[in-house]
Amino acid sequence: MSLDTVRRIVFAQESGQLLPITLDSMGYNPDQEQVSRPQGYHTYHWLQTAHGSGMIHFDNKKLTLTEGSGILLMPGTPHRYEALSSETWRTYYLTFGGTSARHILDSLGMNTSLFYRWESGAPLSSMLKEMLDRHDTSNDMFSLGESSDAYRFLLTLNKYGQLHNNTAISRNVDKLQPLLKWMDSHYGDPEVGLSDLASRLEVSGRYLNSLFLQTFGLSPYAYFVRLRIRKSKELLVANPQLTVKAISQLVGFRDVSHFVATFRKQSAVTPEQFRKLH
């Protein structure tokens, strides 16, 4: 059975050590159920999307968590979250405390509930999986090594996470959600252009460009190309029998050399090298 379909969760055991950062729990949920915590969680709580999308409600806000995004909630923050559609929502999560957790977060400017996005190649996408994998081969979970892992995660989040925590951004994400879902099912069509994307929301290309730049820091078409490259990575790993040319066509590239060049520019390796690495 693939680990992608297996729920993984680890709870801390009392160690008696006073560490700067201590893990309360961490895990992976391949089919995230609805969660409601009117009193919040008793420690700091990080939640990120591994696949699909979900909606989180907190502080009179609602934010969409898609792949490449996550949220850090302060202790005692009332919240609830659920999958956005019939598609499976897969999540990673981390809860933590510690003698210096508040001081560390204050020093990083992470002392309120914050919403983050990051680029597809950023290490944040795989860090929690790697931490879970290390637990599976370790006998001293939640000791000094895991405290260091949690601290490293926070530093990486601070470095690579693009902070999007204002009301305007959350409204933009809600406006764009129908288009983002449409993109996710039409990335294989090489005929799609900016006018097609704008028409899905019945707005001008100029306005759509402004929305995407404000929300993601990318133009709509650049976002679409990144989606195509991410889908190609999934195909490269899951379908070893498919040629690079076939995959390039499946994700909407007319020319395989253009696909390879774009893939290499975004991932620093060629599609074949990526397949061998994974």
C-alpha atoms as a PDB file:
ATOM      1  CA  MET A   1       0.000   0.000   0.000  1.00  0.00           C
ATOM      2  CA  SER A   2       1.294   3.443  -0.943  1.00  0.00           C
ATOM      3  CA  LEU A   3       2.218   5.788   1.892  1.00  0.00           C
ATOM      4  CA  ASP A   4       0.124   8.410   0.088  1.00  0.00           C
ATOM      5  CA  THR A   5      -3.002   6.494   1.136  1.00  0.00           C
ATOM      6  CA  VAL A   6      -1.945   5.708   4.709  1.00  0.00           C
ATOM      7  CA  ARG A   7      -2.749   7.990   7.628  1.00  0.00           C
ATOM      8  CA  ARG A   8       0.350   8.712   9.689  1.00  0.00           C
ATOM      9  CA  ILE A   9       0.285  10.349  13.101  1.00  0.00           C
ATOM     10  CA  VAL A  10       2.768  10.577  15.948  1.00  0.00           C
ATOM     11  CA  PHE A  11       1.995  11.945  19.418  1.00  0.00           C
ATOM     12  CA  ALA A  12       4.652  13.149  21.794  1.00  0.00           C
ATOM     13  CA  GLN A  13       5.583  11.232  24.897  1.00  0.00           C
ATOM     14  CA  GLU A  14       6.648  13.035  28.038  1.00  0.00           C
ATOM     15  CA  SER A  15      10.434  13.152  28.121  1.00  0.00           C
ATOM     16  CA  GLY A  16      11.032  15.459  31.084  1.00  0.00           C
ATOM     17  CA  GLN A  17      13.369  17.590  28.949  1.00  0.00           C
ATOM     18  CA  LEU A  18      12.961  21.356  28.811  1.00  0.00           C
ATOM     19  CA  LEU A  19      13.630  22.091  25.152  1.00  0.00           C
ATOM     20  CA  PRO A  20      13.263  25.376  23.224  1.00  0.00           C
ATOM     21  CA  ILE A  21      10.813  23.714  20.805  1.00  0.00           C
ATOM     22  CA  THR A  22       8.953  20.514  21.661  1.00  0.00           C
ATOM     23  CA  LEU A  23       6.657  18.619  19.306  1.00  0.00           C
ATOM     24  CA  ASP A  24       3.155  17.831  20.486  1.00  0.00           C
ATOM     25  CA  SER A  25       2.168  15.856  17.377  1.00  0.00           C
ATOM     26  CA  MET A  26       2.728  15.621  13.658  1.00  0.00           C
ATOM     27  CA  GLY A  27       1.094  13.635  10.919  1.00  0.00           C
ATOM     28  CA  TYR A  28      -0.248  13.106   7.425  1.00  0.00           C
ATOM     29  CA  ASN A  29      -3.941  12.696   6.614  1.00  0.00           C
ATOM     30  CA  PRO A  30      -4.711  11.231   3.151  1.00  0.00           C
ATOM     31  CA  ASP A  31      -8.395  12.153   3.446  1.00  0.00           C
ATOM     32  CA  GLN A  32      -8.817  15.163   5.703  1.00  0.00           C
ATOM     33  CA  GLU A  33     -12.133  15.144   7.526  1.00  0.00           C
ATOM     34  CA  GLN A  34     -13.967  18.213   8.785  1.00  0.00           C
ATOM     35  CA  VAL A  35     -12.495  19.585  12.017  1.00  0.00           C
ATOM     36  CA  SER A  36     -14.071  22.125  14.380  1.00  0.00           C
ATOM     37  CA  ARG A  37     -12.303  23.525  17.456  1.00  0.00           C
ATOM     38  CA  PRO A  38     -14.382  26.334  19.032  1.00  0.00           C
ATOM     39  CA  GLN A  39     -11.763  26.703  21.785  1.00  0.00           C
ATOM     40  CA  GLY A  40      -8.780  26.361  19.454  1.00  0.00           C
ATOM     41  CA  TYR A  41      -5.827  24.029  19.954  1.00  0.00           C
ATOM     42  CA  HIS A  42      -3.733  24.193  23.120  1.00  0.00           C
ATOM     43  CA  THR A  43      -0.380  24.529  21.309  1.00  0.00           C
ATOM     44  CA  TYR A  44       0.858  26.168  18.106  1.00  0.00           C
ATOM     45  CA  HIS A  45      -0.734  24.434  15.120  1.00  0.00           C
ATOM     46  CA  TRP A  46       0.616  24.271  11.568  1.00  0.00           C
ATOM     47  CA  LEU A  47      -1.578  22.839   8.752  1.00  0.00           C
ATOM     48  CA  GLN A  48      -0.624  22.554   5.080  1.00  0.00           C
ATOM     49  CA  THR A  49      -2.123  21.026   1.950  1.00  0.00           C
ATOM     50  CA  ALA A  50      -0.377  18.103   0.278  1.00  0.00           C
ATOM     51  CA  HIS A  51      -3.056  17.579  -2.396  1.00  0.00           C
ATOM     52  CA  GLY A  52      -6.447  19.061  -3.242  1.00  0.00           C
ATOM     53  CA  SER A  53      -7.807  22.046  -1.379  1.00  0.00           C
ATOM     54  CA  GLY A  54      -9.610  22.943   1.814  1.00  0.00           C
ATOM     55  CA  MET A  55     -11.167  25.916   3.536  1.00  0.00           C
ATOM     56  CA  ILE A  56     -10.173  27.141   7.001  1.00  0.00           C
ATOM     57  CA  HIS A  57     -12.234  29.556   9.078  1.00  0.00           C
ATOM     58  CA  PHE A  58     -10.599  31.601  11.868  1.00  0.00           C
ATOM     59  CA  ASP A  59     -10.647  35.158  13.248  1.00  0.00           C
ATOM     60  CA  ASN A  60     -13.751  35.956  11.150  1.00  0.00           C
ATOM     61  CA  LYS A  61     -11.800  35.035   8.009  1.00  0.00           C
ATOM     62  CA  LYS A  62     -11.969  32.164   5.596  1.00  0.00           C
ATOM     63  CA  LEU A  63      -8.961  31.127   3.534  1.00  0.00           C
ATOM     64  CA  THR A  64      -8.436  28.514   0.860  1.00  0.00           C
ATOM     65  CA  LEU A  65      -5.538  26.118   1.422  1.00  0.00           C
ATOM     66  CA  THR A  66      -4.296  24.746  -1.905  1.00  0.00           C
ATOM     67  CA  GLU A  67      -1.078  22.887  -2.660  1.00  0.00           C
ATOM     68  CA  GLY A  68       1.895  25.031  -1.733  1.00  0.00           C
ATOM     69  CA  SER A  69       0.111  26.787   1.108  1.00  0.00           C
ATOM     70  CA  GLY A  70      -0.422  26.415   4.838  1.00  0.00           C
ATOM     71  CA  ILE A  71      -1.451  28.243   7.982  1.00  0.00           C
ATOM     72  CA  LEU A  72       0.117  28.734  11.396  1.00  0.00           C
ATOM     73  CA  LEU A  73      -2.461  29.129  14.169  1.00  0.00           C
ATOM     74  CA  MET A  74      -1.681  30.554  17.587  1.00  0.00           C
ATOM     75  CA  PRO A  75      -2.683  28.557  20.687  1.00  0.00           C
ATOM     76  CA  GLY A  76      -6.347  28.955  21.610  1.00  0.00           C
ATOM     77  CA  THR A  77      -7.418  30.351  18.205  1.00  0.00           C
ATOM     78  CA  PRO A  78     -10.964  29.094  17.442  1.00  0.00           C
ATOM     79  CA  HIS A  79     -11.060  27.512  13.996  1.00  0.00           C
ATOM     80  CA  ARG A  80     -12.621  24.932  11.735  1.00  0.00           C
ATOM     81  CA  TYR A  81     -11.654  23.494   8.384  1.00  0.00           C
ATOM     82  CA  GLU A  82     -13.017  21.142   5.731  1.00  0.00           C
ATOM     83  CA  ALA A  83     -12.350  19.939   2.190  1.00  0.00           C
ATOM     84  CA  LEU A  84     -13.549  22.345  -0.487  1.00  0.00           C
ATOM     85  CA  SER A  85     -15.076  19.834  -2.889  1.00  0.00           C
ATOM     86  CA  SER A  86     -15.613  16.140  -3.494  1.00  0.00           C
ATOM     87  CA  GLU A  87     -11.903  15.843  -4.323  1.00  0.00           C
ATOM     88  CA  THR A  88      -9.761  14.287  -1.606  1.00  0.00           C
ATOM     89  CA  TRP A  89      -7.948  16.824   0.557  1.00  0.00           C
ATOM     90  CA  ARG A  90      -4.600  15.544   1.854  1.00  0.00           C
ATOM     91  CA  THR A  91      -2.854  17.425   4.627  1.00  0.00           C
ATOM     92  CA  TYR A  92       0.273  17.516   6.770  1.00  0.00           C
ATOM     93  CA  TYR A  93       0.196  19.017  10.239  1.00  0.00           C
ATOM     94  CA  LEU A  94       2.492  19.857  13.103  1.00  0.00           C
ATOM     95  CA  THR A  95       1.663  20.994  16.636  1.00  0.00           C
ATOM     96  CA  PHE A  96       4.351  22.247  18.964  1.00  0.00           C
ATOM     97  CA  GLY A  97       5.216  24.190  22.095  1.00  0.00           C
ATOM     98  CA  GLY A  98       8.348  24.516  24.196  1.00  0.00           C
ATOM     99  CA  THR A  99      10.046  26.819  26.654  1.00  0.00           C
ATOM    100  CA  SER A 100      11.212  29.249  23.955  1.00  0.00           C
ATOM    101  CA  ALA A 101       8.540  28.743  21.271  1.00  0.00           C
ATOM    102  CA  ARG A 102       6.921  32.125  21.847  1.00  0.00           C
ATOM    103  CA  HIS A 103      10.258  33.953  21.932  1.00  0.00           C
ATOM    104  CA  ILE A 104      11.450  32.222  18.748  1.00  0.00           C
ATOM    105  CA  LEU A 105       8.238  33.046  16.879  1.00  0.00           C
ATOM    106  CA  ASP A 106       8.364  36.649  18.134  1.00  0.00           C
ATOM    107  CA  SER A 107      11.913  36.988  16.809  1.00  0.00           C
ATOM    108  CA  LEU A 108      10.787  35.669  13.412  1.00  0.00           C
ATOM    109  CA  GLY A 109       7.771  37.971  13.268  1.00  0.00           C
ATOM    110  CA  MET A 110       5.455  34.953  13.408  1.00  0.00           C
ATOM    111  CA  ASN A 111       3.527  35.852  16.563  1.00  0.00           C
ATOM    112  CA  THR A 112       0.010  35.942  15.061  1.00  0.00           C
ATOM    113  CA  SER A 113      -1.983  33.425  13.025  1.00  0.00           C
ATOM    114  CA  LEU A 114      -0.461  33.600   9.533  1.00  0.00           C
ATOM    115  CA  PHE A 115      -1.230  32.238   6.062  1.00  0.00           C
ATOM    116  CA  TYR A 116       1.694  31.270   3.801  1.00  0.00           C
ATOM    117  CA  ARG A 117       2.316  30.271   0.196  1.00  0.00           C
ATOM    118  CA  TRP A 118       5.532  29.023  -1.366  1.00  0.00           C
ATOM    119  CA  GLU A 119       6.976  28.042  -4.733  1.00  0.00           C
ATOM    120  CA  SER A 120       6.575  24.436  -5.875  1.00  0.00           C
ATOM    121  CA  GLY A 121      10.307  23.739  -5.566  1.00  0.00           C
ATOM    122  CA  ALA A 122      10.610  25.083  -2.015  1.00  0.00           C
ATOM    123  CA  PRO A 123      11.636  22.550   0.674  1.00  0.00           C
ATOM    124  CA  LEU A 124       8.469  23.253   2.679  1.00  0.00           C
ATOM    125  CA  SER A 125       6.493  20.872   0.493  1.00  0.00           C
ATOM    126  CA  SER A 126       8.478  17.838   1.655  1.00  0.00           C
ATOM    127  CA  MET A 127       9.826  18.745   5.108  1.00  0.00           C
ATOM    128  CA  LEU A 128       7.057  17.195   7.197  1.00  0.00           C
ATOM    129  CA  LYS A 129       7.125  13.992   5.157  1.00  0.00           C
ATOM    130  CA  GLU A 130      10.866  13.778   5.744  1.00  0.00           C
ATOM    131  CA  MET A 131      10.357  14.349   9.476  1.00  0.00           C
ATOM    132  CA  LEU A 132       7.793  11.525   9.568  1.00  0.00           C
ATOM    133  CA  ASP A 133      10.154   9.269   7.624  1.00  0.00           C
ATOM    134  CA  ARG A 134      12.923   9.978  10.114  1.00  0.00           C
ATOM    135  CA  HIS A 135      10.599   9.091  12.961  1.00  0.00           C
ATOM    136  CA  ASP A 136       9.912   5.717  11.347  1.00  0.00           C
ATOM    137  CA  THR A 137      13.612   4.852  11.543  1.00  0.00           C
ATOM    138  CA  SER A 138      14.346   6.488  14.907  1.00  0.00           C
ATOM    139  CA  ASN A 139      13.982   5.266  18.479  1.00  0.00           C
ATOM    140  CA  ASP A 140      14.121   8.605  20.250  1.00  0.00           C
ATOM    141  CA  MET A 141      11.144  10.531  18.877  1.00  0.00           C
ATOM    142  CA  PHE A 142      10.580  14.024  20.280  1.00  0.00           C
ATOM    143  CA  SER A 143      14.050  14.308  21.761  1.00  0.00           C
ATOM    144  CA  LEU A 144      16.717  16.826  20.805  1.00  0.00           C
ATOM    145  CA  GLY A 145      16.760  15.765  17.139  1.00  0.00           C
ATOM    146  CA  GLU A 146      13.050  16.377  16.699  1.00  0.00           C
ATOM    147  CA  SER A 147      13.273  19.685  18.549  1.00  0.00           C
ATOM    148  CA  SER A 148      15.943  20.725  16.045  1.00  0.00           C
ATOM    149  CA  ASP A 149      13.746  19.539  13.175  1.00  0.00           C
ATOM    150  CA  ALA A 150      10.851  21.692  14.367  1.00  0.00           C
ATOM    151  CA  TYR A 151      13.108  24.723  14.759  1.00  0.00           C
ATOM    152  CA  ARG A 152      14.540  24.136  11.277  1.00  0.00           C
ATOM    153  CA  PHE A 153      11.005  23.915   9.898  1.00  0.00           C
ATOM    154  CA  LEU A 154      10.094  27.304  11.377  1.00  0.00           C
ATOM    155  CA  LEU A 155      13.248  28.883   9.945  1.00  0.00           C
ATOM    156  CA  THR A 156      12.486  27.375   6.524  1.00  0.00           C
ATOM    157  CA  LEU A 157       8.893  28.608   6.706  1.00  0.00           C
ATOM    158  CA  ASN A 158      10.141  32.079   7.537  1.00  0.00           C
ATOM    159  CA  LYS A 159      12.613  31.986   4.634  1.00  0.00           C
ATOM    160  CA  TYR A 160      10.519  30.456   1.858  1.00  0.00           C
ATOM    161  CA  GLY A 161       6.956  31.219   2.907  1.00  0.00           C
ATOM    162  CA  GLN A 162       5.379  34.168   1.148  1.00  0.00           C
ATOM    163  CA  LEU A 163       3.180  35.823   3.730  1.00  0.00           C
ATOM    164  CA  HIS A 164      -0.409  36.396   2.617  1.00  0.00           C
ATOM    165  CA  ASN A 165      -2.421  37.310   5.660  1.00  0.00           C
ATOM    166  CA  ASN A 166      -4.507  40.305   4.712  1.00  0.00           C
ATOM    167  CA  THR A 167      -8.191  40.462   3.900  1.00  0.00           C
ATOM    168  CA  ALA A 168      -7.642  41.607   0.304  1.00  0.00           C
ATOM    169  CA  ILE A 169      -5.582  38.505  -0.473  1.00  0.00           C
ATOM    170  CA  SER A 170      -8.151  36.141   1.033  1.00  0.00           C
ATOM    171  CA  ARG A 171     -10.895  37.825  -1.018  1.00  0.00           C
ATOM    172  CA  ASN A 172      -8.781  37.438  -4.159  1.00  0.00           C
ATOM    173  CA  VAL A 173      -8.309  33.725  -3.502  1.00  0.00           C
ATOM    174  CA  ASP A 174     -12.081  33.300  -3.167  1.00  0.00           C
ATOM    175  CA  LYS A 175     -12.626  35.168  -6.457  1.00  0.00           C
ATOM    176  CA  LEU A 176     -10.032  33.064  -8.248  1.00  0.00           C
ATOM    177  CA  GLN A 177     -11.124  29.687  -6.871  1.00  0.00           C
ATOM    178  CA  PRO A 178     -13.464  28.782  -9.792  1.00  0.00           C
ATOM    179  CA  LEU A 179     -10.688  29.558 -12.276  1.00  0.00           C
ATOM    180  CA  LEU A 180      -8.064  27.641 -10.276  1.00  0.00           C
ATOM    181  CA  LYS A 181     -10.336  24.572 -10.324  1.00  0.00           C
ATOM    182  CA  TRP A 182     -10.895  25.023 -14.078  1.00  0.00           C
ATOM    183  CA  MET A 183      -7.139  25.248 -14.642  1.00  0.00           C
ATOM    184  CA  ASP A 184      -6.678  22.012 -12.722  1.00  0.00           C
ATOM    185  CA  SER A 185      -8.837  20.147 -15.234  1.00  0.00           C
ATOM    186  CA  HIS A 186      -7.750  21.955 -18.440  1.00  0.00           C
ATOM    187  CA  TYR A 187      -3.964  22.114 -18.097  1.00  0.00           C
ATOM    188  CA  GLY A 188      -3.632  19.609 -20.949  1.00  0.00           C
ATOM    189  CA  ASP A 189      -5.220  21.918 -23.527  1.00  0.00           C
ATOM    190  CA  PRO A 190      -2.461  23.717 -25.491  1.00  0.00           C
ATOM    191  CA  GLU A 191      -4.976  26.187 -26.926  1.00  0.00           C
ATOM    192  CA  VAL A 192      -5.688  27.916 -23.598  1.00  0.00           C
ATOM    193  CA  GLY A 193      -4.544  31.549 -23.532  1.00  0.00           C
ATOM    194  CA  LEU A 194      -4.972  34.593 -21.306  1.00  0.00           C
ATOM    195  CA  SER A 195      -8.294  35.521 -22.932  1.00  0.00           C
ATOM    196  CA  ASP A 196      -9.665  32.041 -22.136  1.00  0.00           C
ATOM    197  CA  LEU A 197      -8.588  32.365 -18.507  1.00  0.00           C
ATOM    198  CA  ALA A 198     -10.135  35.818 -18.172  1.00  0.00           C
ATOM    199  CA  SER A 199     -13.392  34.699 -19.771  1.00  0.00           C
ATOM    200  CA  ARG A 200     -13.842  32.007 -17.108  1.00  0.00           C
ATOM    201  CA  LEU A 201     -14.271  34.779 -14.517  1.00  0.00           C
ATOM    202  CA  GLU A 202     -15.853  37.227 -16.971  1.00  0.00           C
ATOM    203  CA  VAL A 203     -13.172  39.834 -16.310  1.00  0.00           C
ATOM    204  CA  SER A 204     -10.612  41.599 -18.477  1.00  0.00           C
ATOM    205  CA  GLY A 205      -7.150  40.150 -18.997  1.00  0.00           C
ATOM    206  CA  ARG A 206      -5.661  43.220 -17.357  1.00  0.00           C
ATOM    207  CA  TYR A 207      -7.788  42.816 -14.223  1.00  0.00           C
ATOM    208  CA  LEU A 208      -7.054  39.069 -14.039  1.00  0.00           C
ATOM    209  CA  ASN A 209      -3.341  39.804 -14.328  1.00  0.00           C
ATOM    210  CA  SER A 210      -3.610  42.246 -11.426  1.00  0.00           C
ATOM    211  CA  LEU A 211      -5.462  39.696  -9.279  1.00  0.00           C
ATOM    212  CA  PHE A 212      -2.841  37.001  -9.862  1.00  0.00           C
ATOM    213  CA  LEU A 213       0.107  39.300  -9.281  1.00  0.00           C
ATOM    214  CA  GLN A 214      -1.371  40.541  -6.005  1.00  0.00           C
ATOM    215  CA  THR A 215      -2.290  37.026  -4.824  1.00  0.00           C
ATOM    216  CA  PHE A 216       0.514  34.799  -6.112  1.00  0.00           C
ATOM    217  CA  GLY A 217       3.184  37.160  -7.373  1.00  0.00           C
ATOM    218  CA  LEU A 218       2.790  35.578 -10.830  1.00  0.00           C
ATOM    219  CA  SER A 219       0.888  36.374 -14.008  1.00  0.00           C
ATOM    220  CA  PRO A 220      -2.093  34.077 -14.749  1.00  0.00           C
ATOM    221  CA  TYR A 221      -0.250  32.332 -17.565  1.00  0.00           C
ATOM    222  CA  ALA A 222       2.932  31.890 -15.506  1.00  0.00           C
ATOM    223  CA  TYR A 223       0.791  30.300 -12.790  1.00  0.00           C
ATOM    224  CA  PHE A 224      -0.783  28.021 -15.422  1.00  0.00           C
ATOM    225  CA  VAL A 225       2.635  26.959 -16.714  1.00  0.00           C
ATOM    226  CA  ARG A 226       3.783  26.149 -13.174  1.00  0.00           C
ATOM    227  CA  LEU A 227       0.656  24.024 -12.747  1.00  0.00           C
ATOM    228  CA  ARG A 228       1.513  22.151 -15.955  1.00  0.00           C
ATOM    229  CA  ILE A 229       5.048  21.479 -14.729  1.00  0.00           C
ATOM    230  CA  ARG A 230       3.732  20.243 -11.363  1.00  0.00           C
ATOM    231  CA  LYS A 231       1.328  17.886 -13.143  1.00  0.00           C
ATOM    232  CA  SER A 232       4.166  16.651 -15.348  1.00  0.00           C
ATOM    233  CA  LYS A 233       6.174  15.750 -12.226  1.00  0.00           C
ATOM    234  CA  GLU A 234       3.291  13.644 -10.973  1.00  0.00           C
ATOM    235  CA  LEU A 235       3.130  11.852 -14.329  1.00  0.00           C
ATOM    236  CA  LEU A 236       6.895  11.328 -14.511  1.00  0.00           C
ATOM    237  CA  VAL A 237       6.896   9.558 -11.149  1.00  0.00           C
ATOM    238  CA  ALA A 238       3.594   7.675 -11.396  1.00  0.00           C
ATOM    239  CA  ASN A 239       3.895   6.540 -15.042  1.00  0.00           C
ATOM    240  CA  PRO A 240       7.455   5.382 -15.805  1.00  0.00           C
ATOM    241  CA  GLN A 241       6.255   3.833 -19.071  1.00  0.00           C
ATOM    242  CA  LEU A 242       5.326   7.238 -20.525  1.00  0.00           C
ATOM    243  CA  THR A 243       7.946   9.036 -22.577  1.00  0.00           C
ATOM    244  CA  VAL A 244       8.878  12.626 -21.864  1.00  0.00           C
ATOM    245  CA  LYS A 245       7.341  13.602 -25.188  1.00  0.00           C
ATOM    246  CA  ALA A 246       4.041  11.941 -24.302  1.00  0.00           C
ATOM    247  CA  ILE A 247       3.972  13.670 -20.922  1.00  0.00           C
ATOM    248  CA  SER A 248       4.739  17.039 -22.499  1.00  0.00           C
ATOM    249  CA  GLN A 249       1.658  16.632 -24.688  1.00  0.00           C
ATOM    250  CA  LEU A 250      -0.522  15.513 -21.774  1.00  0.00           C
ATOM    251  CA  VAL A 251       0.292  18.706 -19.869  1.00  0.00           C
ATOM    252  CA  GLY A 252      -0.356  21.068 -22.763  1.00  0.00           C
ATOM    253  CA  PHE A 253       3.016  21.622 -24.441  1.00  0.00           C
ATOM    254  CA  ARG A 254       3.048  21.435 -28.228  1.00  0.00           C
ATOM    255  CA  ASP A 255       6.830  21.103 -28.428  1.00  0.00           C
ATOM    256  CA  VAL A 256       8.827  18.685 -26.270  1.00  0.00           C
ATOM    257  CA  SER A 257      11.975  20.830 -26.390  1.00  0.00           C
ATOM    258  CA  HIS A 258      10.000  23.797 -25.025  1.00  0.00           C
ATOM    259  CA  PHE A 259       8.663  21.528 -22.264  1.00  0.00           C
ATOM    260  CA  VAL A 260      12.153  20.305 -21.333  1.00  0.00           C
ATOM    261  CA  ALA A 261      13.551  23.837 -21.278  1.00  0.00           C
ATOM    262  CA  THR A 262      10.665  25.124 -19.128  1.00  0.00           C
ATOM    263  CA  PHE A 263      10.922  22.138 -16.778  1.00  0.00           C
ATOM    264  CA  ARG A 264      14.649  22.641 -16.358  1.00  0.00           C
ATOM    265  CA  LYS A 265      14.255  26.377 -15.743  1.00  0.00           C
ATOM    266  CA  GLN A 266      11.720  25.775 -12.948  1.00  0.00           C
ATOM    267  CA  SER A 267      13.236  22.630 -11.401  1.00  0.00           C
ATOM    268  CA  ALA A 268      16.987  22.917 -12.133  1.00  0.00           C
ATOM    269  CA  VAL A 269      16.940  19.385 -13.619  1.00  0.00           C
ATOM    270  CA  THR A 270      15.592  17.841 -16.808  1.00  0.00           C
ATOM    271  CA  PRO A 271      12.438  15.681 -16.743  1.00  0.00           C
ATOM    272  CA  GLU A 272      14.541  12.515 -17.134  1.00  0.00           C
ATOM    273  CA  GLN A 273      16.842  13.559 -14.289  1.00  0.00           C
ATOM    274  CA  PHE A 274      13.823  14.322 -12.116  1.00  0.00           C
ATOM    275  CA  ARG A 275      12.380  10.874 -12.856  1.00  0.00           C
ATOM    276  CA  LYS A 276      15.636   9.169 -11.876  1.00  0.00           C
ATOM    277  CA  LEU A 277      15.882  11.191  -8.659  1.00  0.00           C
ATOM    278  CA  HIS A 278      12.370  10.125  -7.644  1.00  0.00           C
END
